[in-house]
Amino acid sequence: MSDLRFDGKVVIVTGAGGGLGRAHALEFARRGAKVVVNDLGGSVDGAGGSSEAANRVVEEIRAAGGEAMADGASVTDDAGIANLVKTTMAAWGRIDILIANAGILRDKSFSKMEIADFEAVLNVHLWGTVKPVKAVWEIMRAQNYGRIVVTTSSSGLYGNFGQSNYGAAKLSLVGFMNTLKIEGAKNNIHVNAISPVAATRMTENLGMPPQMLEALRPEMVTPGVIYLASEEAPTGAVLTAGAGVFALAKIYETSGVYLGADGISAEEVRDNWGKISDPDGHEAYEQGGGQTIKFMRKLGLM
């Protein structure tokens, strides 16, 4: 089979000044894409800002013969995102791919977490994805082509101590993707999610041994992102990736049990919990209506 190429395509990668975003940006450029390297240049918790990181990645791409430009907008800033899109369109006339990668951490147990820490993480991960996507959506619709990859996390899919803010933000992006995959289908806009495990600034305080750090280098996640952004990409997939391992995460629902139309009690739910939770016959729905169809089927109405 032929290599995945992006010649003539324009890709925006947010949070591309280092770590995963840098790895993604470099690989897109290597495969022929024109790359916008967006990075505020702040600290892991979102403080400060500098254009140095984005500029360094642009220099790497250009030194290798690629095309790139830097952008220092915060992904939560409406005016900054509008200017990013305007500048990209003025330079290259189209936007084909958006990799929403930017993120911050403010880890604490929920009892010790301030609401400000929760809001800050939600702002960057949720709004910092929604705003760039909204800014490119109509461009992609007009082109009848677009590829969007949002970044979720095992902390959102499965939970992780001290990351209630991060987990809530990351799982919200799966819900966001699940609707956009439906709305974008008629205009050939595919929307997917990557759930990475990588050794970056955001994981450096975990004290992982050198062998594990080597295995979890960001470049081992990037092939999954490249595929999810390609012309051959699926839509609505949650691809987990790390250390060269790739798997698909899905939300399943059990078949469940019909308890009747009248007089249902909490005790009946309790007494039938074994049937309700029985995984035999479970399904993964392509959209929310699939669940309603199952309910009507249980009632014998379909």
Protein backbone atom coordinates (compact mmCIF):
# COMPACT_ATOMS: atom_id res chain seq x y z
CA MET A 1 0.00 0.00 0.00
CA SER A 2 1.10 3.59 -0.61
CA ASP A 3 2.49 5.89 2.07
CA LEU A 4 0.15 8.34 3.78
CA ARG A 5 1.02 11.73 2.30
CA PHE A 6 -0.24 15.24 3.00
CA ASP A 7 1.14 17.14 0.03
CA GLY A 8 -0.89 20.32 -0.51
CA LYS A 9 -2.67 19.89 2.83
CA VAL A 10 -2.58 22.49 5.60
CA VAL A 11 -2.55 21.32 9.22
CA ILE A 12 -2.83 23.28 12.46
CA VAL A 13 -1.35 21.59 15.54
CA THR A 14 -2.09 23.26 18.88
CA GLY A 15 0.35 22.89 21.74
CA ALA A 16 3.02 22.00 19.19
CA GLY A 17 6.00 23.66 20.87
CA GLY A 18 7.09 20.44 22.56
CA GLY A 19 6.15 16.89 23.49
CA LEU A 20 3.36 15.25 21.55
CA GLY A 21 2.45 18.34 19.54
CA ARG A 22 6.01 18.82 18.33
CA ALA A 23 6.23 15.16 17.29
CA HIS A 24 2.95 15.47 15.38
CA ALA A 25 4.00 18.71 13.65
CA LEU A 26 7.36 17.34 12.54
CA GLU A 27 5.83 14.18 11.10
CA PHE A 28 3.10 16.03 9.21
CA ALA A 29 5.77 18.26 7.68
CA ARG A 30 7.90 15.24 6.78
CA ARG A 31 4.91 13.85 4.93
CA GLY A 32 4.42 17.01 2.88
CA ALA A 33 1.96 19.10 4.88
CA LYS A 34 2.21 22.82 5.49
CA VAL A 35 2.14 23.16 9.26
CA VAL A 36 0.96 25.87 11.62
CA VAL A 37 2.80 25.36 14.90
CA ASN A 38 0.57 26.85 17.58
CA ASP A 39 1.89 27.15 21.12
CA LEU A 40 1.34 29.72 23.83
CA GLY A 41 4.65 28.71 25.38
CA GLY A 42 3.33 28.63 28.93
CA SER A 43 4.22 26.36 31.83
CA VAL A 44 2.59 22.99 32.47
CA ASP A 45 -0.05 24.66 34.66
CA GLY A 46 -0.81 27.28 32.00
CA ALA A 47 1.10 30.22 33.46
CA GLY A 48 3.18 32.60 31.34
CA GLY A 49 3.81 32.55 27.63
CA SER A 50 6.58 32.73 25.04
CA SER A 51 6.88 32.21 21.28
CA GLU A 52 10.31 30.54 21.55
CA ALA A 53 9.05 26.94 21.62
CA ALA A 54 6.86 27.34 18.53
CA ASN A 55 9.63 29.15 16.66
CA ARG A 56 12.11 26.36 17.40
CA VAL A 57 9.78 23.74 15.93
CA VAL A 58 9.23 25.90 12.83
CA GLU A 59 13.00 26.19 12.43
CA GLU A 60 13.31 22.38 12.65
CA ILE A 61 10.69 21.92 9.95
CA ARG A 62 12.23 24.50 7.64
CA ALA A 63 15.71 23.11 8.16
CA ALA A 64 14.39 19.76 6.92
CA GLY A 65 12.92 21.42 3.82
CA GLY A 66 9.33 21.75 5.01
CA GLU A 67 6.90 24.67 5.20
CA ALA A 68 5.71 25.96 8.56
CA MET A 69 4.80 29.06 10.48
CA ALA A 70 4.49 29.78 14.17
CA ASP A 71 1.48 31.07 16.07
CA GLY A 72 1.46 32.05 19.73
CA ALA A 73 -2.27 32.39 20.36
CA SER A 74 -3.87 30.90 23.44
CA VAL A 75 -6.39 28.27 22.39
CA THR A 76 -8.89 29.87 24.79
CA ASP A 77 -8.61 33.35 23.25
CA ASP A 78 -11.31 34.12 20.68
CA ALA A 79 -9.40 36.94 19.01
CA GLY A 80 -6.18 34.94 18.95
CA ILE A 81 -7.85 31.91 17.36
CA ALA A 82 -9.61 34.11 14.81
CA ASN A 83 -6.26 35.65 13.89
CA LEU A 84 -4.62 32.21 13.64
CA VAL A 85 -7.25 31.10 11.13
CA LYS A 86 -7.11 34.40 9.22
CA THR A 87 -3.31 34.25 8.96
CA THR A 88 -3.36 30.61 7.85
CA MET A 89 -5.97 31.26 5.17
CA ALA A 90 -4.10 34.33 3.92
CA ALA A 91 -0.87 32.35 3.62
CA TRP A 92 -2.12 29.02 2.27
CA GLY A 93 -5.79 29.41 1.33
CA ARG A 94 -7.17 26.36 3.11
CA ILE A 95 -7.20 24.41 6.37
CA ASP A 96 -7.49 20.65 5.99
CA ILE A 97 -6.53 19.27 9.38
CA LEU A 98 -6.75 20.41 13.00
CA ILE A 99 -4.92 18.51 15.73
CA ALA A 100 -6.25 19.82 19.05
CA ASN A 101 -3.41 18.85 21.35
CA ALA A 102 -2.87 21.80 23.73
CA GLY A 103 -3.32 21.11 27.42
CA ILE A 104 -2.34 21.90 30.98
CA LEU A 105 -2.34 20.10 34.32
CA ARG A 106 -3.33 21.22 37.81
CA ASP A 107 -3.42 17.94 39.68
CA LYS A 108 -4.80 17.75 43.22
CA SER A 109 -7.22 15.49 45.04
CA PHE A 110 -10.75 16.84 44.69
CA SER A 111 -10.93 17.78 48.38
CA LYS A 112 -7.88 20.06 47.98
CA MET A 113 -8.67 21.39 44.51
CA GLU A 114 -9.80 24.97 44.10
CA ILE A 115 -12.61 25.74 41.66
CA ALA A 116 -10.12 27.97 39.83
CA ASP A 117 -7.98 24.89 39.13
CA PHE A 118 -11.00 23.08 37.75
CA GLU A 119 -12.01 26.02 35.56
CA ALA A 120 -8.50 26.55 34.20
CA VAL A 121 -8.13 22.94 33.08
CA LEU A 122 -11.62 22.84 31.56
CA ASN A 123 -10.94 26.09 29.73
CA VAL A 124 -7.78 24.85 28.05
CA HIS A 125 -8.85 21.30 27.25
CA LEU A 126 -12.54 21.77 26.45
CA TRP A 127 -12.85 25.38 25.26
CA GLY A 128 -9.31 25.19 23.87
CA THR A 129 -10.59 22.44 21.58
CA VAL A 130 -14.08 23.77 20.87
CA LYS A 131 -12.92 27.26 19.87
CA PRO A 132 -10.33 26.18 17.26
CA VAL A 133 -12.74 23.56 15.88
CA LYS A 134 -15.50 26.14 15.59
CA ALA A 135 -13.10 28.53 13.85
CA VAL A 136 -12.23 25.99 11.12
CA TRP A 137 -15.57 24.17 10.85
CA GLU A 138 -17.17 26.31 8.14
CA ILE A 139 -13.94 26.34 6.14
CA MET A 140 -13.92 22.54 6.16
CA ARG A 141 -17.60 22.39 5.26
CA ALA A 142 -17.05 24.70 2.29
CA GLN A 143 -14.10 22.54 1.15
CA ASN A 144 -16.12 19.34 1.66
CA TYR A 145 -13.05 18.05 3.42
CA GLY A 146 -11.69 18.11 6.93
CA ARG A 147 -9.92 15.97 9.48
CA ILE A 148 -10.04 16.81 13.18
CA VAL A 149 -8.27 14.93 15.96
CA VAL A 150 -9.07 15.82 19.56
CA THR A 151 -6.96 14.59 22.46
CA THR A 152 -8.64 12.62 25.22
CA SER A 153 -7.00 10.59 28.01
CA SER A 154 -7.26 7.39 30.01
CA SER A 155 -7.88 9.70 32.97
CA GLY A 156 -11.16 10.68 31.33
CA LEU A 157 -12.03 7.25 30.01
CA TYR A 158 -11.23 5.36 33.22
CA GLY A 159 -10.30 7.84 35.99
CA ASN A 160 -7.09 8.71 37.80
CA PHE A 161 -6.51 9.93 41.36
CA GLY A 162 -5.93 13.69 41.57
CA GLN A 163 -7.25 14.42 38.09
CA SER A 164 -10.97 15.06 38.47
CA ASN A 165 -10.60 18.33 36.52
CA TYR A 166 -8.43 16.79 33.79
CA GLY A 167 -10.56 13.65 33.56
CA ALA A 168 -13.80 15.63 33.27
CA ALA A 169 -12.31 17.81 30.53
CA LYS A 170 -10.87 14.89 28.61
CA LEU A 171 -14.02 12.76 28.61
CA SER A 172 -16.08 15.78 27.54
CA LEU A 173 -14.09 15.77 24.30
CA VAL A 174 -15.34 12.27 23.49
CA GLY A 175 -18.91 13.56 23.75
CA PHE A 176 -17.96 16.52 21.56
CA MET A 177 -16.45 14.19 18.96
CA ASN A 178 -19.45 11.85 19.00
CA THR A 179 -21.78 14.59 17.79
CA LEU A 180 -19.35 16.20 15.33
CA LYS A 181 -18.72 12.85 13.61
CA ILE A 182 -22.44 12.82 12.77
CA GLU A 183 -22.76 16.47 11.79
CA GLY A 184 -19.58 16.44 9.70
CA ALA A 185 -20.30 13.26 7.75
CA LYS A 186 -22.11 14.85 4.80
CA ASN A 187 -19.19 17.23 4.22
CA ASN A 188 -16.46 14.58 4.49
CA ILE A 189 -15.27 15.90 7.85
CA HIS A 190 -13.94 13.06 9.96
CA VAL A 191 -13.52 13.62 13.69
CA ASN A 192 -11.53 11.24 15.87
CA ALA A 193 -9.84 11.17 19.28
CA ILE A 194 -6.37 10.09 20.33
CA SER A 195 -5.79 8.90 23.90
CA PRO A 196 -2.01 9.04 24.32
CA VAL A 197 0.40 7.76 26.92
CA ALA A 198 3.74 9.53 26.52
CA ALA A 199 6.68 10.88 28.47
CA THR A 200 6.36 14.67 28.18
CA ARG A 201 6.57 17.75 30.41
CA MET A 202 3.16 16.78 31.77
CA THR A 203 4.40 13.40 33.03
CA GLU A 204 7.99 14.18 34.03
CA ASN A 205 7.18 14.37 37.76
CA LEU A 206 5.99 10.74 37.84
CA GLY A 207 9.54 9.45 38.29
CA MET A 208 9.46 6.83 35.54
CA PRO A 209 12.68 4.82 35.00
CA PRO A 210 14.80 5.56 31.88
CA GLN A 211 13.68 2.39 30.07
CA MET A 212 10.03 3.38 30.44
CA LEU A 213 10.72 6.97 29.39
CA GLU A 214 12.39 5.68 26.23
CA ALA A 215 9.48 3.38 25.43
CA LEU A 216 6.95 6.17 25.99
CA ARG A 217 8.60 8.80 23.83
CA PRO A 218 6.01 11.01 22.04
CA GLU A 219 7.05 9.83 18.58
CA MET A 220 5.49 6.45 19.37
CA VAL A 221 2.00 8.03 19.53
CA THR A 222 2.26 10.15 16.38
CA PRO A 223 1.65 7.37 13.82
CA GLY A 224 -1.86 6.98 15.23
CA VAL A 225 -2.53 10.70 14.87
CA ILE A 226 -1.23 10.66 11.29
CA TYR A 227 -3.64 7.87 10.38
CA LEU A 228 -6.62 9.53 12.11
CA ALA A 229 -5.92 12.70 10.08
CA SER A 230 -5.44 10.96 6.74
CA GLU A 231 -7.84 10.69 3.82
CA GLU A 232 -8.35 7.03 4.80
CA ALA A 233 -9.26 7.88 8.41
CA PRO A 234 -12.28 6.41 10.18
CA THR A 235 -14.59 8.77 12.04
CA GLY A 236 -15.71 8.66 15.66
CA ALA A 237 -12.81 6.47 16.81
CA VAL A 238 -11.02 6.74 20.15
CA LEU A 239 -7.54 5.40 19.48
CA THR A 240 -5.39 4.69 22.51
CA ALA A 241 -1.66 4.85 21.85
CA GLY A 242 1.61 4.57 23.71
CA ALA A 243 4.99 2.83 23.44
CA GLY A 244 4.04 1.49 20.02
CA VAL A 245 0.83 -0.14 21.29
CA PHE A 246 -2.48 0.87 19.65
CA ALA A 247 -6.00 -0.11 20.68
CA LEU A 248 -9.57 1.09 20.19
CA ALA A 249 -11.58 2.32 23.19
CA LYS A 250 -15.36 2.16 22.94
CA ILE A 251 -18.32 2.89 25.20
CA TYR A 252 -20.49 -0.21 25.49
CA GLU A 253 -23.97 -0.62 26.93
CA THR A 254 -25.35 -3.91 28.25
CA SER A 255 -28.53 -5.39 26.82
CA GLY A 256 -30.29 -4.75 30.12
CA VAL A 257 -33.71 -5.93 31.23
CA TYR A 258 -37.29 -4.64 30.88
CA LEU A 259 -38.85 -4.28 34.33
CA GLY A 260 -42.35 -3.26 33.22
CA ALA A 261 -44.29 -0.10 32.50
CA ASP A 262 -45.92 0.49 35.88
CA GLY A 263 -44.96 0.34 39.50
CA ILE A 264 -41.23 -0.02 39.05
CA SER A 265 -39.35 0.26 42.34
CA ALA A 266 -35.78 0.87 43.35
CA GLU A 267 -35.87 -2.58 44.94
CA GLU A 268 -36.59 -4.15 41.54
CA VAL A 269 -33.57 -2.37 40.11
CA ARG A 270 -31.50 -3.73 43.01
CA ASP A 271 -32.87 -7.26 42.66
CA ASN A 272 -32.23 -7.32 38.90
CA TRP A 273 -28.77 -5.79 39.04
CA GLY A 274 -27.19 -9.01 37.85
CA LYS A 275 -29.27 -8.93 34.65
CA ILE A 276 -28.81 -5.19 34.18
CA SER A 277 -25.03 -5.50 34.41
CA ASP A 278 -24.71 -8.76 32.45
CA PRO A 279 -22.21 -8.01 29.62
CA ASP A 280 -23.64 -10.71 27.33
CA GLY A 281 -25.09 -9.06 24.22
CA HIS A 282 -23.62 -5.63 24.92
CA GLU A 283 -23.51 -3.05 22.10
CA ALA A 284 -21.56 0.04 21.11
CA TYR A 285 -23.92 2.57 19.56
CA GLU A 286 -22.95 4.79 16.66
CA GLN A 287 -25.23 7.54 17.98
CA GLY A 288 -27.56 8.17 20.91
CA GLY A 289 -30.64 7.00 19.03
CA GLY A 290 -29.32 3.45 19.15
CA GLN A 291 -30.08 3.33 22.85
CA THR A 292 -33.67 4.50 22.29
CA ILE A 293 -34.14 1.84 19.61
CA LYS A 294 -33.02 -0.79 22.13
CA PHE A 295 -35.52 0.49 24.71
CA MET A 296 -38.36 0.31 22.17
CA ARG A 297 -37.22 -3.17 21.15
CA LYS A 298 -37.41 -4.30 24.79
CA LEU A 299 -41.00 -3.05 24.90
CA GLY A 300 -41.81 -4.97 21.69
CA LEU A 301 -42.55 -1.73 19.83
CA MET A 302 -39.88 -2.31 17.20
